[in-house]
Protein backbone atom coordinates (compact mmCIF):
# COMPACT_ATOMS: atom_id res chain seq x y z
CA UNK A 1 6.26 -5.50 26.65
CA UNK A 2 7.00 -8.90 24.85
CA UNK A 3 5.34 -9.51 21.44
CA UNK A 4 3.65 -12.74 22.76
CA UNK A 5 1.94 -10.75 25.27
CA UNK A 6 0.73 -8.08 22.90
CA UNK A 7 -0.67 -10.51 20.71
CA UNK A 8 -2.57 -12.34 23.82
CA UNK A 9 -3.76 -8.80 24.15
CA UNK A 10 -5.12 -8.50 20.86
CA UNK A 11 -6.89 -11.90 20.92
CA UNK A 12 -8.68 -10.97 24.38
CA UNK A 13 -9.38 -7.36 23.03
CA UNK A 14 -11.24 -8.67 20.17
CA UNK A 15 -13.35 -11.07 22.36
CA UNK A 16 -14.30 -7.78 24.65
CA UNK A 17 -14.92 -6.06 21.32
CA UNK A 18 -17.36 -8.76 20.10
CA UNK A 19 -19.00 -8.98 23.43
CA UNK A 20 -19.86 -5.04 22.84
CA UNK A 21 -21.19 -5.04 19.34
CA UNK A 22 -24.27 -3.68 19.01
CA UNK A 23 -27.12 -6.30 18.40
CA UNK A 24 -28.68 -4.43 15.92
CA UNK A 25 -25.38 -4.43 13.56
CA UNK A 26 -25.25 -8.37 13.80
CA UNK A 27 -29.20 -8.35 12.41
CA UNK A 28 -28.02 -5.58 9.77
CA UNK A 29 -24.28 -5.65 8.81
CA UNK A 30 -22.66 -2.91 6.83
CA UNK A 31 -22.90 -3.83 3.31
CA UNK A 32 -19.38 -4.73 1.81
CA UNK A 33 -19.17 -1.90 -0.97
CA UNK A 34 -16.26 -3.46 -2.52
CA UNK A 35 -18.06 -6.98 -3.16
CA UNK A 36 -18.05 -6.36 -7.00
CA UNK A 37 -14.37 -5.14 -7.02
CA UNK A 38 -10.94 -6.49 -7.22
CA UNK A 39 -8.14 -4.72 -5.87
CA UNK A 40 -7.23 -4.20 -9.69
CA UNK A 41 -10.11 -2.21 -9.78
CA UNK A 42 -8.94 0.74 -7.41
CA UNK A 43 -8.73 3.38 -10.47
CA UNK A 44 -12.30 2.62 -11.75
CA UNK A 45 -14.08 2.42 -8.37
CA UNK A 46 -13.14 6.14 -7.20
CA UNK A 47 -15.97 8.56 -6.80
CA UNK A 48 -16.28 11.32 -9.17
CA UNK A 49 -18.57 14.21 -10.39
CA UNK A 50 -19.31 14.77 -14.05
CA UNK A 51 -21.34 17.72 -15.30
CA UNK A 52 -23.30 17.73 -18.80
CA UNK A 53 -20.67 21.17 -19.84
CA UNK A 54 -17.59 18.99 -19.08
CA UNK A 55 -16.41 16.00 -21.00
CA UNK A 56 -14.19 14.98 -17.98
CA UNK A 57 -15.29 13.28 -14.75
CA UNK A 58 -13.51 15.22 -11.67
CA UNK A 59 -12.65 13.69 -8.05
CA UNK A 60 -10.04 13.55 -5.30
CA UNK A 61 -9.27 13.50 -1.74
CA UNK A 62 -7.18 14.95 0.79
CA UNK A 63 -5.79 13.88 4.24
CA UNK A 64 -4.96 16.01 7.28
CA UNK A 65 -3.78 15.28 10.65
CA UNK A 66 -2.44 16.04 14.20
CA UNK A 67 0.37 14.26 15.35
CA UNK A 68 2.94 13.75 18.56
CA UNK A 69 5.62 11.32 18.26
CA UNK A 70 8.10 10.17 21.04
CA UNK A 71 11.14 8.09 20.35
CA UNK A 72 13.07 7.00 23.46
CA UNK A 73 11.68 9.97 25.19
CA UNK A 74 12.68 12.40 22.46
CA UNK A 75 10.03 14.55 20.81
CA UNK A 76 9.37 17.14 18.48
CA UNK A 77 6.20 18.19 19.82
CA UNK A 78 3.04 18.98 18.61
CA UNK A 79 2.69 18.82 14.67
CA UNK A 80 -0.13 19.45 12.30
CA UNK A 81 0.27 17.89 8.76
CA UNK A 82 -1.47 18.28 5.47
CA UNK A 83 -0.25 15.04 3.89
CA UNK A 84 -1.93 14.75 0.77
CA UNK A 85 -4.09 16.41 -1.87
CA UNK A 86 -5.06 14.22 -4.68
CA UNK A 87 -6.78 15.04 -7.87
CA UNK A 88 -8.48 12.46 -10.20
CA UNK A 89 -9.58 12.97 -13.67
CA UNK A 90 -11.11 10.52 -16.16
CA UNK A 91 -12.94 10.58 -19.72
CA UNK A 92 -14.36 8.06 -22.30
CA UNK A 93 -12.61 9.14 -25.18
CA UNK A 94 -14.74 6.91 -27.80
CA UNK A 95 -16.18 3.81 -27.37
CA UNK A 96 -13.99 1.18 -25.15
CA UNK A 97 -11.36 3.84 -25.00
CA UNK A 98 -11.03 5.34 -21.66
CA UNK A 99 -8.37 7.72 -19.68
CA UNK A 100 -7.67 7.93 -16.34
CA UNK A 101 -5.46 10.12 -14.40
CA UNK A 102 -4.06 10.88 -10.58
CA UNK A 103 -1.93 13.57 -9.80
CA UNK A 104 -0.90 14.08 -6.21
CA UNK A 105 0.17 16.87 -3.83
CA UNK A 106 2.31 15.75 -0.87
CA UNK A 107 2.82 17.89 2.27
CA UNK A 108 1.74 20.81 0.67
CA UNK A 109 3.63 21.38 -2.58
CA UNK A 110 6.70 19.85 -1.13
CA UNK A 111 6.32 16.85 -3.82
CA UNK A 112 3.94 16.69 -6.92
CA UNK A 113 3.83 13.91 -8.80
CA UNK A 114 1.57 12.08 -11.47
CA UNK A 115 1.10 8.76 -10.09
CA UNK A 116 -1.41 7.23 -12.56
CA UNK A 117 -1.94 8.61 -16.35
CA UNK A 118 -3.15 5.95 -18.62
CA UNK A 119 -5.30 5.06 -21.86
CA UNK A 120 -7.01 1.64 -21.54
CA UNK A 121 -8.59 0.08 -24.79
CA UNK A 122 -10.81 -2.56 -24.40
CA UNK A 123 -10.67 -5.33 -26.83
CA UNK A 124 -12.41 -8.12 -24.37
CA UNK A 125 -13.09 -8.55 -20.82
CA UNK A 126 -9.86 -10.63 -20.76
CA UNK A 127 -8.18 -8.78 -23.19
CA UNK A 128 -7.34 -4.57 -22.48
CA UNK A 129 -4.18 -2.55 -23.53
CA UNK A 130 -3.09 -0.31 -21.01
CA UNK A 131 -0.18 2.39 -21.91
CA UNK A 132 1.16 5.63 -19.86
CA UNK A 133 2.30 5.94 -16.45
CA UNK A 134 1.05 2.74 -14.52
CA UNK A 135 0.90 2.12 -11.23
CA UNK A 136 2.97 -1.15 -10.58
CA UNK A 137 0.27 -4.00 -9.24
CA UNK A 138 2.48 -5.31 -6.37
CA UNK A 139 0.88 -6.55 -3.59
CA UNK A 140 -2.33 -4.36 -2.79
CA UNK A 141 -1.89 -1.20 -1.17
CA UNK A 142 0.46 -0.04 -4.05
CA UNK A 143 -2.74 0.36 -5.78
CA UNK A 144 -5.12 0.85 -3.30
CA UNK A 145 -3.72 3.74 -1.49
CA UNK A 146 -6.31 6.33 -1.12
CA UNK A 147 -6.47 7.55 2.19
CA UNK A 148 -10.03 7.67 2.82
CA UNK A 149 -10.15 3.60 2.39
CA UNK A 150 -8.31 3.21 5.67
CA UNK A 151 -8.71 3.35 9.10
CA UNK A 152 -5.12 4.12 9.68
CA UNK A 153 -3.21 8.01 9.20
CA UNK A 154 0.00 6.33 8.65
CA UNK A 155 0.55 4.09 5.72
CA UNK A 156 1.98 0.41 6.41
CA UNK A 157 5.78 0.42 7.22
CA UNK A 158 6.25 -2.41 4.71
CA UNK A 159 4.32 -0.55 2.06
CA UNK A 160 6.56 2.68 2.22
CA UNK A 161 9.93 1.54 3.39
CA UNK A 162 10.43 -1.88 2.29
CA UNK A 163 8.50 -1.57 -0.84
CA UNK A 164 8.09 1.85 -2.88
CA UNK A 165 4.54 3.01 -2.07
CA UNK A 166 2.73 4.40 -5.04
CA UNK A 167 5.48 3.22 -7.61
CA UNK A 168 4.57 4.40 -10.87
CA UNK A 169 6.51 3.84 -14.22
CA UNK A 170 6.13 4.50 -17.62
CA UNK A 171 4.84 1.81 -19.82
CA UNK A 172 2.80 -0.89 -21.40
CA UNK A 173 0.68 -3.62 -20.61
CA UNK A 174 -2.13 -6.23 -20.65
CA UNK A 175 -4.98 -6.65 -17.87
CA UNK A 176 -8.15 -8.60 -17.87
CA UNK A 177 -11.11 -9.90 -15.76
CA UNK A 178 -13.90 -12.30 -15.86
CA UNK A 179 -17.19 -12.97 -13.42
CA UNK A 180 -18.85 -16.14 -12.94
CA UNK A 181 -21.59 -16.33 -10.08
CA UNK A 182 -19.55 -15.71 -6.72
CA UNK A 183 -16.23 -15.79 -8.31
CA UNK A 184 -14.59 -13.26 -9.91
CA UNK A 185 -10.74 -13.65 -11.40
CA UNK A 186 -8.18 -10.62 -12.75
CA UNK A 187 -4.87 -10.42 -14.37
CA UNK A 188 -2.37 -7.55 -15.11
CA UNK A 189 1.05 -7.98 -17.02
CA UNK A 190 2.98 -4.57 -17.64
CA UNK A 191 6.60 -3.81 -19.02
CA UNK A 192 7.69 -0.37 -17.93
CA UNK A 193 10.91 1.60 -17.03
CA UNK A 194 12.34 -0.08 -14.03
CA UNK A 195 14.89 0.12 -11.28
CA UNK A 196 18.29 1.72 -10.69
CA UNK A 197 21.50 1.82 -8.78
CA UNK A 198 20.06 3.80 -5.82
CA UNK A 199 18.82 0.37 -4.43
CA UNK A 200 22.30 0.18 -2.87
CA UNK A 201 23.66 3.58 -3.21
CA UNK A 202 21.37 5.88 -1.46
CA UNK A 203 21.28 7.90 2.07
CA UNK A 204 19.91 4.99 3.97
CA UNK A 205 23.36 3.29 3.44
CA UNK A 206 21.68 -0.04 3.32
CA UNK A 207 19.48 -1.91 0.62
CA UNK A 208 16.46 0.29 0.25
CA UNK A 209 13.87 -0.46 -2.71
CA UNK A 210 11.72 2.79 -2.01
CA UNK A 211 15.11 4.77 -2.92
CA UNK A 212 14.12 4.10 -6.57
CA UNK A 213 11.03 6.55 -6.50
CA UNK A 214 13.77 9.48 -6.21
CA UNK A 215 14.52 9.12 -10.18
CA UNK A 216 12.70 11.83 -11.73
CA UNK A 217 13.85 10.54 -15.16
CA UNK A 218 12.23 7.02 -15.16
CA UNK A 219 9.19 8.65 -17.02
CA UNK A 220 11.58 9.60 -19.73
CA UNK A 221 13.91 6.95 -20.11
CA UNK A 222 15.12 3.78 -18.51
CA UNK A 223 18.17 3.85 -16.16
CA UNK A 224 19.75 0.48 -17.87
CA UNK A 225 17.52 0.18 -20.92
CA UNK A 226 16.16 -2.98 -19.11
CA UNK A 227 12.44 -3.44 -18.92
CA UNK A 228 10.93 -4.16 -15.45
CA UNK A 229 8.01 -6.70 -15.58
CA UNK A 230 5.52 -6.49 -13.10
CA UNK A 231 2.61 -9.15 -13.31
CA UNK A 232 -0.13 -10.30 -10.64
CA UNK A 233 -3.12 -12.88 -10.77
CA UNK A 234 -6.11 -12.34 -8.35
CA UNK A 235 -9.01 -14.65 -7.67
CA UNK A 236 -12.08 -13.70 -5.34
CA UNK A 237 -15.08 -15.52 -3.97
CA UNK A 238 -17.94 -13.66 -2.48
CA UNK A 239 -17.87 -15.72 0.64
CA UNK A 240 -14.25 -16.40 1.22
CA UNK A 241 -12.29 -12.94 -0.05
CA UNK A 242 -9.73 -12.33 -2.65
CA UNK A 243 -6.58 -13.38 -2.70
CA UNK A 244 -3.87 -11.92 -5.09
CA UNK A 245 -0.14 -13.14 -5.86
CA UNK A 246 2.25 -10.71 -7.66
CA UNK A 247 5.54 -10.16 -8.86
CA UNK A 248 7.69 -7.55 -9.96
CA UNK A 249 11.56 -7.84 -10.88
CA UNK A 250 14.47 -7.07 -13.21
CA UNK A 251 17.69 -5.41 -13.46
CA UNK A 252 18.89 -2.55 -11.37
CA UNK A 253 22.24 -2.01 -12.08
CA UNK A 254 23.82 -0.54 -15.35
CA UNK A 255 25.68 -3.28 -16.75
CA UNK A 256 26.73 -2.04 -20.29
CA UNK A 257 28.09 1.63 -21.22
CA UNK A 258 28.27 2.59 -24.61
CA UNK A 259 28.44 -0.93 -25.77
CA UNK A 260 30.99 -2.04 -23.19
CA UNK A 261 30.28 -4.44 -20.39
CA UNK A 262 31.31 -2.93 -17.02
CA UNK A 263 29.16 -4.98 -14.48
CA UNK A 264 27.42 -8.33 -14.29
CA UNK A 265 23.55 -8.04 -14.23
CA UNK A 266 22.16 -7.66 -10.65
CA UNK A 267 19.01 -8.20 -10.06
CA UNK A 268 15.64 -7.20 -7.60
CA UNK A 269 13.03 -9.98 -7.62
CA UNK A 270 9.68 -9.01 -5.58
CA UNK A 271 7.21 -11.41 -4.64
CA UNK A 272 4.05 -10.66 -3.02
CA UNK A 273 0.77 -12.12 -1.25
CA UNK A 274 -2.08 -10.48 -0.04
CA UNK A 275 -5.44 -10.95 0.91
CA UNK A 276 -9.03 -9.26 1.50
CA UNK A 277 -11.99 -10.11 2.82
CA UNK A 278 -15.46 -9.02 4.88
CA UNK A 279 -17.07 -11.60 7.21
CA UNK A 280 -20.76 -11.08 6.37
CA UNK A 281 -22.28 -11.87 9.74
CA UNK A 282 -20.07 -9.22 11.75
CA UNK A 283 -19.20 -7.13 9.26
CA UNK A 284 -15.38 -7.46 10.19
CA UNK A 285 -12.90 -6.58 7.53
CA UNK A 286 -9.46 -8.22 7.10
CA UNK A 287 -6.77 -6.88 4.75
CA UNK A 288 -3.30 -8.36 4.58
CA UNK A 289 -0.17 -8.39 2.67
CA UNK A 290 3.24 -9.80 2.88
CA UNK A 291 6.25 -9.31 0.58
CA UNK A 292 9.63 -11.10 0.19
CA UNK A 293 12.58 -9.24 -1.54
CA UNK A 294 15.66 -10.85 -3.20
CA UNK A 295 18.41 -8.45 -4.16
CA UNK A 296 22.06 -9.09 -5.92
CA UNK A 297 24.26 -7.26 -3.90
CA UNK A 298 28.01 -6.86 -5.16
CA UNK A 299 30.37 -8.94 -3.28
CA UNK A 300 32.53 -5.56 -2.19
CA UNK A 301 29.64 -4.54 -0.02
CA UNK A 302 29.26 -5.25 3.61
CA UNK A 303 26.53 -7.23 5.42
CA UNK A 304 24.80 -4.01 6.31
CA UNK A 305 23.29 -4.05 2.75
CA UNK A 306 20.72 -7.07 2.83
CA UNK A 307 20.22 -9.45 0.08
CA UNK A 308 17.13 -10.83 1.55
CA UNK A 309 14.05 -8.67 2.91
CA UNK A 310 10.66 -9.49 4.03
CA UNK A 311 7.59 -7.77 5.64
CA UNK A 312 3.85 -7.23 5.77
CA UNK A 313 0.82 -6.05 7.74
CA UNK A 314 -2.40 -7.32 9.23
CA UNK A 315 -5.48 -4.68 9.42
CA UNK A 316 -8.66 -5.88 11.35
CA UNK A 317 -11.72 -3.48 11.27
CA UNK A 318 -14.75 -4.14 13.32
CA UNK A 319 -17.84 -2.20 12.94
CA UNK A 320 -19.13 -0.94 16.55
CA UNK A 321 -22.13 0.75 15.71
CA UNK A 322 -24.53 1.94 12.78
CA UNK A 323 -27.01 4.57 13.04
CA UNK A 324 -28.01 7.61 12.10
CA UNK A 325 -26.20 10.64 13.82
CA UNK A 326 -26.77 14.42 12.99
CA UNK A 327 -28.49 13.38 9.70
CA UNK A 328 -25.75 10.99 8.60
CA UNK A 329 -28.36 8.08 7.77
CA UNK A 330 -25.57 5.29 7.81
CA UNK A 331 -22.58 6.58 9.99
CA UNK A 332 -20.44 3.51 11.41
CA UNK A 333 -18.08 3.71 14.21
CA UNK A 334 -15.16 0.83 14.12
CA UNK A 335 -12.55 -0.38 16.21
CA UNK A 336 -9.59 -1.45 14.31
CA UNK A 337 -5.76 -2.76 14.78
CA UNK A 338 -2.85 -3.21 12.46
CA UNK A 339 0.01 -5.44 12.87
CA UNK A 340 3.28 -4.94 11.29
CA UNK A 341 7.02 -6.58 10.45
CA UNK A 342 9.66 -5.68 8.48
CA UNK A 343 13.28 -6.82 8.03
CA UNK A 344 15.48 -5.37 5.86
CA UNK A 345 18.44 -7.78 6.54
CA UNK A 346 17.64 -11.36 6.70
CA UNK A 347 20.48 -13.33 7.79
CA UNK A 348 23.29 -13.85 10.06
CA UNK A 349 26.50 -12.23 10.18
CA UNK A 350 29.05 -14.30 8.13
CA UNK A 351 31.39 -16.56 10.25
CA UNK A 352 29.00 -16.15 13.26
CA UNK A 353 25.50 -17.43 14.30
CA UNK A 354 24.33 -14.06 15.15
CA UNK A 355 21.39 -12.76 13.51
CA UNK A 356 21.59 -9.50 11.52
CA UNK A 357 18.96 -6.92 13.00
CA UNK A 358 17.42 -4.15 11.41
CA UNK A 359 13.79 -4.87 11.86
CA UNK A 360 10.84 -3.28 13.18
CA UNK A 361 7.37 -4.37 14.30
CA UNK A 362 4.54 -2.21 15.81
CA UNK A 363 1.07 -2.65 16.84
CA UNK A 364 -1.66 0.23 16.05
CA UNK A 365 -5.04 0.25 17.65
CA UNK A 366 -7.75 2.59 16.22
CA UNK A 367 -10.85 4.17 16.30
CA UNK A 368 -12.52 5.50 13.32
CA UNK A 369 -15.81 7.54 12.54
CA UNK A 370 -17.45 7.69 9.05
CA UNK A 371 -20.17 9.71 8.56
CA UNK A 372 -20.26 8.51 5.36
CA UNK A 373 -18.31 6.19 3.37
CA UNK A 374 -16.20 8.58 1.63
CA UNK A 375 -15.25 10.40 4.65
CA UNK A 376 -13.31 9.18 7.69
CA UNK A 377 -12.18 10.75 11.02
CA UNK A 378 -9.34 8.56 12.71
CA UNK A 379 -7.81 8.45 15.89
CA UNK A 380 -4.66 6.25 15.82
CA UNK A 381 -1.95 5.02 18.66
CA UNK A 382 1.05 3.27 17.62
CA UNK A 383 3.62 1.42 19.66
CA UNK A 384 6.69 0.51 17.72
CA UNK A 385 10.24 -1.01 18.27
CA UNK A 386 13.05 -1.00 16.08
CA UNK A 387 16.58 -2.93 16.10
CA UNK A 388 19.49 -1.88 14.61
CA UNK A 389 21.53 -3.89 12.56
CA UNK A 390 23.67 -5.19 15.53
CA UNK A 391 20.40 -6.31 17.49
CA UNK A 392 21.04 -3.44 20.43
CA UNK A 393 18.20 -2.98 22.82
CA UNK A 394 15.30 -1.80 20.47
CA UNK A 395 14.52 1.96 19.99
CA UNK A 396 11.06 2.47 21.07
CA UNK A 397 8.31 4.87 19.20
CA UNK A 398 4.92 5.90 20.46
CA UNK A 399 2.72 7.66 18.27
CA UNK A 400 -0.71 9.46 18.86
CA UNK A 401 -2.42 10.98 15.81
CA UNK A 402 -5.74 12.41 15.05
CA UNK A 403 -7.11 13.17 11.64
CA UNK A 404 -9.34 13.06 8.96
CA UNK A 405 -9.69 11.92 5.10
CA UNK A 406 -12.43 12.35 2.58
CA UNK A 407 -13.16 12.09 -0.99
CA UNK A 408 -14.56 15.05 -2.50
């Protein structure tokens, strides 16, 4: 199916969707529970439980699902997956001093990671110090990755295979927020340990930024002794939504060893823009993110290592019904769709006009049911096409998934 046909299908599908919306939903649309928050507030907006006997607030979430995937007619059959079990712990240590943390267990206990563990010291609403293990605020998904927030079981391709999802590092930085009527503004600036040579020396045998997460020593030392800068500026208006612009960049190779210059400095620079808004009348939620990567590649490397990459996604979520069901007073049935595109090697072959391939696009319609705002049952179908570096006929993948995710 051609891409243009898929986009037309999405447009006409949305028209049909809107014509079937419950009239009561139009008169009483779901409340935008994120209206008072920016994306940077993800760590503070999580639900938690506190008792008088404990000085710590506890919480977390889990994700479990069933999935069947078929690629060019081949399949591994029926798969049941327990993808994530995450624990949050937070505490107020003293006035204006807070501790927050996130520990994640993936695929059972296949991978255990501290994704966030930091102390925040507030001097002023626009000047706060944060230190510890910090989630780098590139784009919006990296900080807002909690499963119960999304109507889709799989995380975005561009956020996991282009950018390193849930990318964290040890470091320090400043952040601040300001509110004025319907306007909200926030910033974050952090210096942390950074990238390493695995961007171009990895099992994928291509330029692959997510490989930097495989370095277990990044929490205790820097690979090359050079800090990684991550900065973000976000502005939100209650009626037009939030837009964020972010940057993450630094030297990724080791240019000096024991005082000797062994290579020139090679950088990786990432720019991202994100947008989020809920249309008040219909309750339609739009979430989008797009990123550009620029990597210095040694001249001795072949063209299969891309120096320019880009990609992103857009999610559209439309509530269809909101009513009491089985004792749940505010249950919501949603229809959703995700469009994605990622190109790992932008450009043409040297001396030729042929475009370098190695890109992926997909469309993912979804149905979700939320008995409460903190629990979601999801059913997704993904149609995906992936081209290799030579632009051969695409590999076609179809994935059907059913699952649940909930805070606790």
